[in-house]
Amino acid sequence: MPTKAAAHPKPQLIHAASLARLPWVVHAFSTRYGGVSRVYGGNALNLGVTKHDSRTAVEQNRARFLKALGVSNWPLIMVRQIHSDLIHRVDKFPDHPLSGDGLITNAPGLLLAVLTADCLPVILVDRKTRAAGAFHAGWRGTVKRIVEKGVGEMRRHFGSDPRNLLAAIGPGVRACCYTVGEEVREKFRGQFAYADHLFREVKESDPVREKYPLLFLTARAPGHSDLPVKIFLDLVEANRRQLLDAGVPAKHIDSTAPCTACNHDLLFSHRAEKGVTGRMMGAVGVKRR
C-alpha cells in the first residue's frame, strides 16, 4: 500500500536544454525516481498501468509528475500506444479513448504524453507558432516514419516550418544495447536507403572456442563453424535521420539523453529488467499567454 506522497522525494526529471529556454513550453522526461510505487524499488515513479503495480499508485505518481511540472490542473492526454504511425491533433481532452503513437496541439493548457521503457519518446516544439507534439517511437513506429510524419502533421495543421522546429529525443535504448533480429534489419532496408548505416554486427566471443579451436572443426569452409552474430540497431540515429530528412536542422535536434538499458538504476528498461519494469513519460505542453 503506497504511503502518503509527502513522505517521498520529488520526482527526478530530465529536461532538454533547448526546450527549457522557451518560457511558454512545459516539458520533461521522467525517471524512475520520486514516486510511491514499491514493486519496482522504493519510491518508484511508475507512470504506466502495468500488471505489477496498482492503479492507485500510478494515479498518485501521475499527480506527482504533474505537480513537479507545475501543471497540476492541466488535463493529461495520452493514447493507447500500438506501435503505429497514427497521430492525433487534440484541442481539448478527448471525448473517447485514442489509439495511436503521436499527439500534436497548439492549444494551451494541455499536457501531451507518451509512455516508454526502452522505446524513444520524441518531443517536437514549433518555436514560432507555439505548437507541440509528443511521439512514441519504437522500432516499428520508426519503420513507419512516425517522427517524420509528425513533422508533416505539424506543418499541415499549424503551418509549421521544419526549420523552426526544436526536437528532443528522450531516454531510450541506444545502439550500445539494442540487439534485434535480421527481420528487423530487412524491414529497415525496405524503407530507408541508409538503413545499413543504422546497424552494426558483433560476433559473439567464446573463450573455450578460442582456446580449443580444434574442438569446433566442421566440414564447412573455412573449416570452423561460425559464431553467432549480434545485430545492434541505432534507434536514436534512425529517428534523428528522419528529422533531418523532414527538414529539421541538425543543431535543433537534442539526442543526448541517456540509454535506458545502461542506466536502469535511473531509468526503466524493459530489456534490462526482463519485462518487470515501470513506464516513464515524455511530456510537453503549451502555456497560456
Protein backbone atom coordinates (compact mmCIF):
# COMPACT_ATOMS: atom_id res chain seq x y z
CA MET A 1 0.00 0.00 0.00
CA PRO A 2 1.63 3.31 -1.03
CA THR A 3 2.42 5.75 1.75
CA LYS A 4 1.41 9.37 1.60
CA ALA A 5 3.06 11.30 -1.25
CA ALA A 6 4.53 13.86 1.18
CA ALA A 7 6.82 11.18 2.59
CA HIS A 8 8.51 10.66 -0.76
CA PRO A 9 11.16 12.71 -2.58
CA LYS A 10 10.23 14.91 -5.51
CA PRO A 11 10.24 13.34 -8.98
CA GLN A 12 13.61 13.47 -10.69
CA LEU A 13 13.09 14.78 -14.21
CA ILE A 14 15.22 15.25 -17.33
CA HIS A 15 14.84 18.40 -19.44
CA ALA A 16 16.16 19.26 -22.89
CA ALA A 17 18.17 22.48 -22.70
CA SER A 18 16.79 23.86 -25.98
CA LEU A 19 13.18 23.45 -24.83
CA ALA A 20 13.89 24.71 -21.33
CA ARG A 21 14.89 28.06 -22.84
CA LEU A 22 11.36 28.62 -24.15
CA PRO A 23 9.31 30.12 -21.28
CA TRP A 24 5.99 29.08 -22.81
CA VAL A 25 6.90 25.37 -23.06
CA VAL A 26 6.29 22.81 -20.32
CA HIS A 27 8.18 19.57 -20.89
CA ALA A 28 10.03 16.75 -19.17
CA PHE A 29 11.20 13.17 -19.45
CA SER A 30 10.56 11.32 -16.21
CA THR A 31 12.95 8.90 -14.50
CA ARG A 32 12.22 6.07 -12.08
CA TYR A 33 12.70 8.29 -9.01
CA GLY A 34 10.25 10.30 -6.96
CA GLY A 35 7.10 8.19 -6.83
CA VAL A 36 5.15 5.98 -4.46
CA SER A 37 5.34 2.61 -6.23
CA ARG A 38 7.06 -0.20 -4.32
CA VAL A 39 7.06 -3.01 -6.87
CA TYR A 40 9.94 -1.56 -8.93
CA GLY A 41 12.06 -0.48 -5.99
CA GLY A 42 11.36 2.09 -3.31
CA ASN A 43 9.84 5.41 -4.35
CA ALA A 44 9.47 4.36 -8.00
CA LEU A 45 7.74 6.86 -10.29
CA ASN A 46 5.90 4.35 -12.45
CA LEU A 47 3.58 6.32 -14.72
CA GLY A 48 2.06 3.45 -16.68
CA VAL A 49 -0.63 1.00 -15.63
CA THR A 50 1.11 -2.40 -15.51
CA LYS A 51 0.15 -5.82 -14.22
CA HIS A 52 2.61 -5.48 -11.34
CA ASP A 53 1.59 -2.08 -9.97
CA SER A 54 -1.69 -0.76 -8.61
CA ARG A 55 -3.77 1.84 -10.41
CA THR A 56 -3.89 3.85 -7.19
CA ALA A 57 -0.10 4.10 -7.09
CA VAL A 58 0.06 5.07 -10.78
CA GLU A 59 -2.54 7.80 -10.29
CA GLN A 60 -0.58 9.18 -7.35
CA ASN A 61 2.60 9.08 -9.40
CA ARG A 62 0.96 10.95 -12.27
CA ALA A 63 -0.30 13.60 -9.87
CA ARG A 64 3.24 13.98 -8.51
CA PHE A 65 4.62 14.26 -12.05
CA LEU A 66 2.13 16.99 -12.97
CA LYS A 67 2.86 18.85 -9.76
CA ALA A 68 6.60 18.73 -10.41
CA LEU A 69 5.93 20.32 -13.81
CA GLY A 70 3.77 22.97 -12.22
CA VAL A 71 0.66 21.95 -14.16
CA SER A 72 -1.42 20.06 -11.60
CA ASN A 73 -4.67 21.41 -13.05
CA TRP A 74 -3.87 20.55 -16.68
CA PRO A 75 -5.52 17.52 -18.31
CA LEU A 76 -3.06 14.75 -19.11
CA ILE A 77 -3.71 13.49 -22.64
CA MET A 78 -2.36 10.12 -23.72
CA VAL A 79 -3.05 7.46 -26.34
CA ARG A 80 -3.29 3.69 -26.24
CA GLN A 81 0.05 3.04 -27.89
CA ILE A 82 0.00 0.48 -30.69
CA HIS A 83 3.42 0.88 -32.38
CA SER A 84 1.84 2.73 -35.30
CA ASP A 85 2.21 5.92 -37.32
CA LEU A 86 -1.17 7.28 -36.15
CA ILE A 87 -1.03 10.88 -34.92
CA HIS A 88 -3.93 12.79 -33.36
CA ARG A 89 -4.42 16.53 -33.18
CA VAL A 90 -6.07 17.49 -29.90
CA ASP A 91 -7.53 20.83 -28.89
CA LYS A 92 -9.24 19.61 -25.71
CA PHE A 93 -9.45 16.50 -23.61
CA PRO A 94 -10.82 13.84 -26.00
CA ASP A 95 -14.37 12.55 -25.63
CA HIS A 96 -13.25 8.96 -26.20
CA PRO A 97 -10.00 6.98 -25.83
CA LEU A 98 -7.47 7.47 -28.61
CA SER A 99 -5.24 4.79 -30.13
CA GLY A 100 -2.01 5.70 -31.86
CA ASP A 101 1.51 6.86 -31.11
CA GLY A 102 1.55 10.61 -31.59
CA LEU A 103 -0.23 13.70 -30.29
CA ILE A 104 0.02 17.30 -31.52
CA THR A 105 -1.58 20.52 -30.34
CA ASN A 106 -1.38 24.31 -30.40
CA ALA A 107 -3.98 24.64 -27.65
CA PRO A 108 -2.58 25.93 -24.36
CA GLY A 109 -3.17 24.16 -21.09
CA LEU A 110 -2.93 20.55 -22.31
CA LEU A 111 -0.15 18.14 -21.40
CA LEU A 112 0.57 15.59 -24.15
CA ALA A 113 2.42 12.46 -23.04
CA VAL A 114 3.74 9.12 -24.26
CA LEU A 115 4.90 6.17 -22.15
CA THR A 116 8.22 4.40 -22.67
CA ALA A 117 10.58 1.91 -21.09
CA ASP A 118 13.16 1.49 -23.94
CA CYS A 119 11.30 2.93 -26.93
CA LEU A 120 12.05 6.58 -27.65
CA PRO A 121 9.90 9.49 -26.51
CA VAL A 122 10.30 12.31 -29.03
CA ILE A 123 9.11 15.87 -28.42
CA LEU A 124 8.68 18.48 -31.16
CA VAL A 125 8.10 22.18 -30.50
CA ASP A 126 7.47 24.94 -33.05
CA ARG A 127 9.10 28.00 -31.56
CA LYS A 128 7.23 30.33 -33.97
CA THR A 129 3.65 29.03 -33.98
CA ARG A 130 3.71 27.72 -30.39
CA ALA A 131 2.67 24.21 -31.32
CA ALA A 132 3.97 20.97 -29.81
CA GLY A 133 3.91 17.22 -30.29
CA ALA A 134 4.82 14.06 -28.40
CA PHE A 135 5.61 10.78 -30.17
CA HIS A 136 6.32 7.18 -29.20
CA ALA A 137 8.99 5.67 -31.47
CA GLY A 138 9.88 2.02 -31.05
CA TRP A 139 11.42 0.20 -33.99
CA ARG A 140 8.01 -0.50 -35.54
CA GLY A 141 6.92 3.11 -35.34
CA THR A 142 10.31 4.20 -36.63
CA VAL A 143 10.00 1.95 -39.69
CA LYS A 144 6.60 3.58 -40.28
CA ARG A 145 8.26 7.03 -40.01
CA ILE A 146 6.22 8.21 -37.03
CA VAL A 147 8.52 11.17 -36.30
CA GLU A 148 8.91 12.21 -39.92
CA LYS A 149 5.14 12.11 -40.27
CA GLY A 150 4.85 14.08 -37.05
CA VAL A 151 6.76 16.94 -38.67
CA GLY A 152 4.41 16.71 -41.65
CA GLU A 153 1.32 16.76 -39.45
CA MET A 154 2.53 19.85 -37.61
CA ARG A 155 3.12 21.52 -40.93
CA ARG A 156 -0.35 20.53 -42.18
CA HIS A 157 -2.27 21.56 -39.07
CA PHE A 158 -0.27 24.51 -37.77
CA GLY A 159 1.75 25.73 -40.75
CA SER A 160 4.97 24.72 -39.02
CA ASP A 161 8.17 25.37 -40.95
CA PRO A 162 10.53 22.44 -40.10
CA ARG A 163 13.37 24.96 -39.80
CA ASN A 164 11.59 26.41 -36.77
CA LEU A 165 11.09 23.09 -35.01
CA LEU A 166 13.08 22.01 -31.98
CA ALA A 167 13.29 18.27 -31.32
CA ALA A 168 14.25 16.39 -28.18
CA ILE A 169 14.79 12.63 -28.30
CA GLY A 170 14.40 11.38 -24.74
CA PRO A 171 15.81 8.41 -22.84
CA GLY A 172 15.61 5.10 -24.68
CA VAL A 173 17.67 2.06 -25.52
CA ARG A 174 20.67 3.16 -27.56
CA ALA A 175 22.93 1.47 -30.10
CA CYS A 176 25.18 0.06 -27.37
CA CYS A 177 22.42 -2.20 -26.05
CA TYR A 178 19.68 -2.62 -28.67
CA THR A 179 20.02 -6.07 -30.23
CA VAL A 180 17.49 -7.01 -32.90
CA GLY A 181 16.88 -9.84 -35.34
CA GLU A 182 17.66 -9.99 -39.04
CA GLU A 183 13.97 -9.48 -39.81
CA VAL A 184 14.12 -6.01 -38.25
CA ARG A 185 17.11 -5.06 -40.38
CA GLU A 186 15.29 -6.23 -43.50
CA LYS A 187 12.27 -4.08 -42.67
CA PHE A 188 14.52 -1.02 -42.36
CA ARG A 189 16.27 -1.89 -45.62
CA GLY A 190 12.89 -1.93 -47.30
CA GLN A 191 12.22 1.66 -46.17
CA PHE A 192 15.48 3.57 -45.96
CA ALA A 193 18.39 3.84 -48.40
CA TYR A 194 20.73 4.48 -45.46
CA ALA A 195 19.44 1.51 -43.42
CA ASP A 196 22.76 -0.34 -43.28
CA HIS A 197 24.35 2.64 -41.54
CA LEU A 198 21.90 2.18 -38.66
CA PHE A 199 23.11 -1.33 -37.82
CA ARG A 200 26.35 -2.90 -36.65
CA GLU A 201 27.29 -6.52 -36.18
CA VAL A 202 29.28 -8.02 -33.33
CA LYS A 203 30.41 -11.61 -33.39
CA GLU A 204 29.88 -13.27 -30.05
CA SER A 205 33.07 -14.33 -28.31
CA ASP A 206 33.62 -17.81 -26.92
CA PRO A 207 36.69 -18.28 -24.67
CA VAL A 208 36.51 -22.10 -24.97
CA ARG A 209 36.38 -21.90 -28.76
CA GLU A 210 39.31 -19.50 -28.81
CA LYS A 211 41.40 -21.72 -26.54
CA TYR A 212 40.49 -25.05 -28.21
CA PRO A 213 39.64 -24.27 -31.85
CA LEU A 214 40.11 -27.87 -33.00
CA LEU A 215 37.08 -28.92 -30.97
CA PHE A 216 34.91 -26.86 -33.27
CA LEU A 217 36.20 -28.04 -36.65
CA THR A 218 33.50 -28.74 -39.23
CA ALA A 219 33.41 -29.86 -42.84
CA ARG A 220 32.35 -26.37 -43.94
CA ALA A 221 34.89 -23.94 -45.36
CA PRO A 222 36.96 -22.38 -43.92
CA GLY A 223 36.93 -25.29 -41.52
CA HIS A 224 35.28 -23.90 -38.42
CA SER A 225 31.61 -23.35 -37.57
CA ASP A 226 30.60 -19.69 -37.35
CA LEU A 227 29.92 -17.94 -34.07
CA PRO A 228 26.54 -16.26 -33.76
CA VAL A 229 26.41 -12.61 -34.78
CA LYS A 230 24.56 -9.98 -32.76
CA ILE A 231 22.87 -7.18 -34.69
CA PHE A 232 22.59 -3.79 -32.97
CA LEU A 233 20.19 -1.05 -34.10
CA ASP A 234 20.83 2.65 -33.53
CA LEU A 235 17.24 3.72 -32.95
CA VAL A 236 18.27 7.22 -31.92
CA GLU A 237 20.14 7.81 -35.16
CA ALA A 238 17.24 6.36 -37.15
CA ASN A 239 14.90 8.98 -35.71
CA ARG A 240 17.48 11.76 -36.00
CA ARG A 241 17.85 10.96 -39.71
CA GLN A 242 14.09 11.15 -40.16
CA LEU A 243 14.01 14.57 -38.54
CA LEU A 244 16.82 15.74 -40.80
CA ASP A 245 15.05 14.37 -43.86
CA ALA A 246 11.90 16.22 -42.79
CA GLY A 247 13.83 19.50 -42.74
CA VAL A 248 14.64 19.94 -39.04
CA PRO A 249 18.15 21.46 -38.73
CA ALA A 250 20.74 19.24 -37.05
CA LYS A 251 21.50 21.93 -34.47
CA HIS A 252 17.83 21.85 -33.42
CA ILE A 253 17.87 18.14 -32.53
CA ASP A 254 18.83 17.12 -28.98
CA SER A 255 19.68 13.41 -28.88
CA THR A 256 21.89 13.35 -25.78
CA ALA A 257 19.52 11.60 -23.36
CA PRO A 258 20.97 8.50 -21.64
CA CYS A 259 20.47 4.86 -22.57
CA THR A 260 17.74 3.17 -20.55
CA ALA A 261 19.41 -0.26 -20.59
CA CYS A 262 22.77 1.11 -19.44
CA ASN A 263 21.17 3.23 -16.73
CA HIS A 264 18.33 1.14 -15.34
CA ASP A 265 19.26 2.35 -11.87
CA LEU A 266 17.92 5.74 -13.02
CA LEU A 267 15.53 4.77 -15.82
CA PHE A 268 13.05 1.99 -16.50
CA SER A 269 14.26 -0.54 -19.08
CA HIS A 270 12.04 -3.35 -20.34
CA ARG A 271 15.04 -5.22 -21.73
CA ALA A 272 17.46 -4.77 -18.86
CA GLU A 273 14.79 -5.69 -16.31
CA LYS A 274 13.39 -8.58 -18.35
CA GLY A 275 9.93 -7.09 -18.69
CA VAL A 276 9.32 -6.46 -14.99
CA THR A 277 9.55 -2.71 -15.01
CA GLY A 278 7.58 0.52 -14.89
CA ARG A 279 6.96 3.18 -17.50
CA MET A 280 8.35 6.69 -17.92
CA MET A 281 6.72 9.67 -19.60
CA GLY A 282 7.84 12.11 -22.21
CA ALA A 283 5.50 15.08 -21.92
CA VAL A 284 5.06 18.52 -23.46
CA GLY A 285 2.52 21.33 -23.30
CA VAL A 286 1.99 24.96 -24.25
CA LYS A 287 1.43 27.55 -21.54
CA ARG A 288 -1.32 30.11 -21.79
CA ARG A 289 -0.21 33.56 -22.91
